Amino acid sequence: MPPRWSTRFDDPIPLPAGGALMTLRDAATYVLELPAAEQEHPAWRLAIATLIDAAEGRDFLMHARIAVIRALNRNQPAPARVKQEDWRDRWRAKRDGIGR
């Protein structure tokens, strides 16, 4: 089966400079337009591999989308995790007479 580069992502991948990647072909073209040194970065190499695998039907389209997004955002700090209060926290506060 020939590669299906015209396959659309479920959701477009927004680009930092504006615009969006709609298909596997759009993503591949974007990567090919990057400087050679940028293309050699491990995050982009993984993105390239998953794009090819998705086009050839050997990998999921979502894996390619995630790899491209991670490569695009690799210089961004990870979002802070917010600890959500659960029943144990409320129980301990009640037991220890803190708060309520």
N, C-alpha and C. Protein backbone atom coordinates (compact mmCIF):
# COMPACT_ATOMS: atom_id res chain seq x y z
N MET A 1 0.84 -1.17 0.00
CA MET A 1 0.00 0.00 0.00
C MET A 1 0.90 1.25 0.00
N PRO A 2 0.63 2.19 -0.87
CA PRO A 2 1.44 3.42 -0.91
C PRO A 2 1.16 4.30 0.31
N PRO A 3 2.14 5.10 0.71
CA PRO A 3 1.93 6.01 1.86
C PRO A 3 0.77 6.97 1.61
N ARG A 4 0.00 7.24 2.66
CA ARG A 4 -1.14 8.16 2.57
C ARG A 4 -0.79 9.46 3.30
N TRP A 5 -0.06 10.32 2.62
CA TRP A 5 0.37 11.58 3.21
C TRP A 5 -0.77 12.59 3.30
N SER A 6 -1.86 12.36 2.61
CA SER A 6 -2.97 13.30 2.64
C SER A 6 -3.91 13.06 3.83
N THR A 7 -3.57 12.11 4.69
CA THR A 7 -4.40 11.82 5.86
C THR A 7 -4.41 13.04 6.78
N ARG A 8 -5.62 13.43 7.19
CA ARG A 8 -5.79 14.60 8.05
C ARG A 8 -5.67 14.21 9.52
N PHE A 9 -5.07 15.10 10.31
CA PHE A 9 -5.05 14.92 11.76
C PHE A 9 -6.46 15.13 12.29
N ASP A 10 -6.79 14.49 13.42
CA ASP A 10 -8.11 14.68 14.02
C ASP A 10 -8.33 16.15 14.39
N ASP A 11 -7.30 16.78 14.92
CA ASP A 11 -7.32 18.20 15.24
C ASP A 11 -6.07 18.82 14.63
N PRO A 12 -6.17 20.01 14.06
CA PRO A 12 -4.98 20.66 13.50
C PRO A 12 -3.93 20.91 14.57
N ILE A 13 -2.66 20.90 14.16
CA ILE A 13 -1.57 21.19 15.08
C ILE A 13 -1.21 22.66 14.91
N PRO A 14 -1.46 23.48 15.94
CA PRO A 14 -1.14 24.91 15.82
C PRO A 14 0.37 25.14 15.80
N LEU A 15 0.80 26.06 14.96
CA LEU A 15 2.22 26.41 14.88
C LEU A 15 2.50 27.65 15.71
N PRO A 16 3.70 27.75 16.28
CA PRO A 16 4.03 28.91 17.13
C PRO A 16 3.92 30.24 16.39
N ALA A 17 4.26 30.26 15.11
CA ALA A 17 4.24 31.51 14.35
C ALA A 17 2.90 31.75 13.67
N GLY A 18 1.90 30.96 14.01
CA GLY A 18 0.59 31.07 13.38
C GLY A 18 0.43 30.00 12.32
N GLY A 19 -0.79 29.75 11.95
CA GLY A 19 -1.08 28.69 11.00
C GLY A 19 -1.26 27.36 11.71
N ALA A 20 -1.45 26.33 10.93
CA ALA A 20 -1.66 25.01 11.51
C ALA A 20 -1.27 23.93 10.51
N LEU A 21 -0.92 22.78 11.06
CA LEU A 21 -0.63 21.60 10.24
C LEU A 21 -1.89 20.75 10.22
N MET A 22 -2.43 20.54 9.01
CA MET A 22 -3.69 19.82 8.88
C MET A 22 -3.50 18.34 8.51
N THR A 23 -2.48 18.05 7.71
CA THR A 23 -2.28 16.69 7.21
C THR A 23 -0.86 16.22 7.51
N LEU A 24 -0.63 14.92 7.28
CA LEU A 24 0.71 14.38 7.42
C LEU A 24 1.66 15.08 6.46
N ARG A 25 1.19 15.39 5.26
CA ARG A 25 2.03 16.09 4.27
C ARG A 25 2.42 17.48 4.78
N ASP A 26 1.48 18.19 5.38
CA ASP A 26 1.79 19.51 5.95
C ASP A 26 2.90 19.40 7.00
N ALA A 27 2.78 18.39 7.87
CA ALA A 27 3.77 18.21 8.93
C ALA A 27 5.13 17.84 8.34
N ALA A 28 5.13 16.94 7.36
CA ALA A 28 6.39 16.53 6.73
C ALA A 28 7.05 17.71 6.03
N THR A 29 6.27 18.52 5.35
CA THR A 29 6.81 19.70 4.66
C THR A 29 7.39 20.68 5.68
N TYR A 30 6.69 20.87 6.79
CA TYR A 30 7.17 21.76 7.84
C TYR A 30 8.53 21.29 8.36
N VAL A 31 8.66 19.99 8.62
CA VAL A 31 9.91 19.45 9.15
C VAL A 31 11.03 19.60 8.12
N LEU A 32 10.72 19.36 6.86
CA LEU A 32 11.74 19.47 5.82
C LEU A 32 12.22 20.91 5.63
N GLU A 33 11.41 21.88 6.00
CA GLU A 33 11.80 23.28 5.88
C GLU A 33 12.61 23.79 7.08
N LEU A 34 12.72 22.96 8.11
CA LEU A 34 13.54 23.33 9.27
C LEU A 34 15.01 23.27 8.89
N PRO A 35 15.87 24.04 9.58
CA PRO A 35 17.31 23.91 9.34
C PRO A 35 17.78 22.49 9.64
N ALA A 36 18.83 22.06 8.97
CA ALA A 36 19.33 20.69 9.12
C ALA A 36 19.68 20.36 10.57
N ALA A 37 20.28 21.32 11.27
CA ALA A 37 20.65 21.08 12.66
C ALA A 37 19.41 20.84 13.52
N GLU A 38 18.34 21.55 13.22
CA GLU A 38 17.08 21.38 13.96
C GLU A 38 16.47 20.02 13.67
N GLN A 39 16.54 19.58 12.42
CA GLN A 39 15.98 18.29 12.05
C GLN A 39 16.70 17.14 12.75
N GLU A 40 17.95 17.34 13.14
CA GLU A 40 18.73 16.28 13.78
C GLU A 40 18.43 16.15 15.27
N HIS A 41 17.67 17.08 15.83
CA HIS A 41 17.32 17.00 17.25
C HIS A 41 16.50 15.73 17.48
N PRO A 42 16.74 15.00 18.57
CA PRO A 42 16.03 13.74 18.82
C PRO A 42 14.50 13.86 18.78
N ALA A 43 13.97 14.98 19.25
CA ALA A 43 12.51 15.14 19.24
C ALA A 43 11.98 15.19 17.81
N TRP A 44 12.71 15.89 16.92
CA TRP A 44 12.28 15.96 15.53
C TRP A 44 12.52 14.65 14.80
N ARG A 45 13.59 13.95 15.16
CA ARG A 45 13.84 12.64 14.53
C ARG A 45 12.71 11.67 14.87
N LEU A 46 12.25 11.70 16.12
CA LEU A 46 11.12 10.86 16.51
C LEU A 46 9.86 11.27 15.76
N ALA A 47 9.64 12.57 15.63
CA ALA A 47 8.47 13.06 14.90
C ALA A 47 8.51 12.59 13.44
N ILE A 48 9.68 12.68 12.82
CA ILE A 48 9.82 12.25 11.43
C ILE A 48 9.50 10.76 11.31
N ALA A 49 10.06 9.96 12.21
CA ALA A 49 9.82 8.51 12.16
C ALA A 49 8.35 8.17 12.33
N THR A 50 7.67 8.83 13.27
CA THR A 50 6.25 8.52 13.48
C THR A 50 5.39 9.04 12.34
N LEU A 51 5.78 10.16 11.72
CA LEU A 51 5.04 10.64 10.54
C LEU A 51 5.13 9.62 9.41
N ILE A 52 6.32 9.12 9.16
CA ILE A 52 6.49 8.11 8.11
C ILE A 52 5.70 6.85 8.43
N ASP A 53 5.81 6.39 9.68
CA ASP A 53 5.08 5.18 10.07
C ASP A 53 3.58 5.36 9.96
N ALA A 54 3.07 6.53 10.34
CA ALA A 54 1.63 6.78 10.23
C ALA A 54 1.19 6.82 8.77
N ALA A 55 2.00 7.43 7.92
CA ALA A 55 1.66 7.51 6.50
C ALA A 55 1.64 6.12 5.86
N GLU A 56 2.53 5.24 6.33
CA GLU A 56 2.60 3.90 5.78
C GLU A 56 1.68 2.91 6.49
N GLY A 57 0.94 3.38 7.48
CA GLY A 57 -0.03 2.53 8.17
C GLY A 57 0.57 1.63 9.24
N ARG A 58 1.81 1.91 9.65
CA ARG A 58 2.45 1.08 10.68
C ARG A 58 2.31 1.68 12.07
N ASP A 59 1.81 2.88 12.19
CA ASP A 59 1.66 3.53 13.49
C ASP A 59 0.38 4.36 13.47
N PHE A 60 -0.06 4.74 14.65
CA PHE A 60 -1.29 5.51 14.77
C PHE A 60 -1.05 6.97 14.40
N LEU A 61 -2.06 7.58 13.84
CA LEU A 61 -2.00 8.99 13.48
C LEU A 61 -1.82 9.85 14.73
N MET A 62 -2.44 9.46 15.83
CA MET A 62 -2.34 10.23 17.08
C MET A 62 -0.90 10.24 17.59
N HIS A 63 -0.16 9.13 17.41
CA HIS A 63 1.24 9.10 17.83
C HIS A 63 2.06 10.13 17.05
N ALA A 64 1.79 10.24 15.76
CA ALA A 64 2.50 11.24 14.94
C ALA A 64 2.15 12.64 15.40
N ARG A 65 0.89 12.88 15.68
CA ARG A 65 0.45 14.20 16.14
C ARG A 65 1.13 14.57 17.45
N ILE A 66 1.16 13.64 18.39
CA ILE A 66 1.79 13.90 19.69
C ILE A 66 3.28 14.17 19.52
N ALA A 67 3.95 13.38 18.67
CA ALA A 67 5.39 13.56 18.46
C ALA A 67 5.69 14.94 17.88
N VAL A 68 4.88 15.40 16.94
CA VAL A 68 5.09 16.71 16.34
C VAL A 68 4.85 17.82 17.37
N ILE A 69 3.78 17.69 18.14
CA ILE A 69 3.48 18.69 19.17
C ILE A 69 4.61 18.74 20.21
N ARG A 70 5.10 17.58 20.63
CA ARG A 70 6.19 17.55 21.62
C ARG A 70 7.46 18.18 21.04
N ALA A 71 7.73 17.94 19.76
CA ALA A 71 8.91 18.54 19.13
C ALA A 71 8.75 20.06 19.03
N LEU A 72 7.56 20.51 18.69
CA LEU A 72 7.31 21.95 18.61
C LEU A 72 7.45 22.63 19.97
N ASN A 73 7.04 21.95 21.02
CA ASN A 73 7.00 22.55 22.36
C ASN A 73 8.16 22.11 23.25
N ARG A 74 9.21 21.54 22.67
CA ARG A 74 10.27 20.97 23.50
C ARG A 74 11.02 22.01 24.33
N ASN A 75 11.00 23.27 23.93
CA ASN A 75 11.70 24.31 24.70
C ASN A 75 10.79 24.99 25.72
N GLN A 76 9.54 24.61 25.76
CA GLN A 76 8.59 25.20 26.72
C GLN A 76 8.71 24.49 28.05
N PRO A 77 8.60 25.20 29.16
CA PRO A 77 8.63 24.52 30.46
C PRO A 77 7.37 23.67 30.63
N ALA A 78 7.53 22.59 31.35
CA ALA A 78 6.39 21.71 31.61
C ALA A 78 5.38 22.46 32.47
N PRO A 79 4.09 22.27 32.22
CA PRO A 79 3.09 22.96 33.03
C PRO A 79 3.16 22.49 34.48
N ALA A 80 2.92 23.41 35.38
CA ALA A 80 2.94 23.08 36.80
C ALA A 80 1.75 22.19 37.12
N ARG A 81 2.01 21.19 37.91
CA ARG A 81 0.92 20.29 38.32
C ARG A 81 0.25 20.87 39.56
N VAL A 82 -1.04 20.91 39.54
CA VAL A 82 -1.81 21.42 40.66
C VAL A 82 -2.31 20.23 41.46
N LYS A 83 -1.97 20.23 42.74
CA LYS A 83 -2.42 19.14 43.60
C LYS A 83 -3.89 19.36 43.92
N GLN A 84 -4.67 18.36 43.63
CA GLN A 84 -6.10 18.46 43.93
C GLN A 84 -6.37 17.80 45.28
N GLU A 85 -7.16 18.49 46.04
CA GLU A 85 -7.53 17.96 47.35
C GLU A 85 -8.42 16.74 47.16
N ASP A 86 -8.17 15.70 47.92
CA ASP A 86 -9.04 14.53 47.86
C ASP A 86 -9.64 14.27 49.24
N TRP A 87 -10.38 13.22 49.37
CA TRP A 87 -11.09 12.93 50.61
C TRP A 87 -10.13 12.72 51.77
N ARG A 88 -8.92 12.20 51.52
CA ARG A 88 -7.97 11.97 52.61
C ARG A 88 -7.50 13.28 53.22
N ASP A 89 -7.30 14.29 52.36
CA ASP A 89 -6.89 15.60 52.88
C ASP A 89 -7.98 16.20 53.75
N ARG A 90 -9.22 16.09 53.32
CA ARG A 90 -10.35 16.62 54.11
C ARG A 90 -10.48 15.85 55.42
N TRP A 91 -10.29 14.54 55.38
CA TRP A 91 -10.41 13.71 56.58
C TRP A 91 -9.32 14.08 57.58
N ARG A 92 -8.09 14.25 57.09
CA ARG A 92 -6.98 14.60 57.99
C ARG A 92 -7.21 15.98 58.61
N ALA A 93 -7.70 16.94 57.81
CA ALA A 93 -7.95 18.29 58.33
C ALA A 93 -9.03 18.23 59.41
N LYS A 94 -10.06 17.43 59.19
CA LYS A 94 -11.15 17.32 60.16
C LYS A 94 -10.64 16.63 61.42
N ARG A 95 -9.85 15.56 61.23
CA ARG A 95 -9.31 14.81 62.35
C ARG A 95 -8.40 15.69 63.21
N ASP A 96 -7.57 16.51 62.55
CA ASP A 96 -6.61 17.33 63.28
C ASP A 96 -7.17 18.67 63.71
N GLY A 97 -8.43 18.95 63.38
CA GLY A 97 -9.06 20.20 63.78
C GLY A 97 -8.55 21.42 63.03
N ILE A 98 -8.06 21.19 61.83
CA ILE A 98 -7.54 22.29 61.02
C ILE A 98 -8.66 22.78 60.09
N GLY A 99 -8.78 24.06 59.98
CA GLY A 99 -9.75 24.60 59.03
C GLY A 99 -11.17 24.56 59.58
N ARG A 100 -12.03 23.94 58.88
CA ARG A 100 -13.47 23.92 59.15
C ARG A 100 -13.76 23.67 60.57
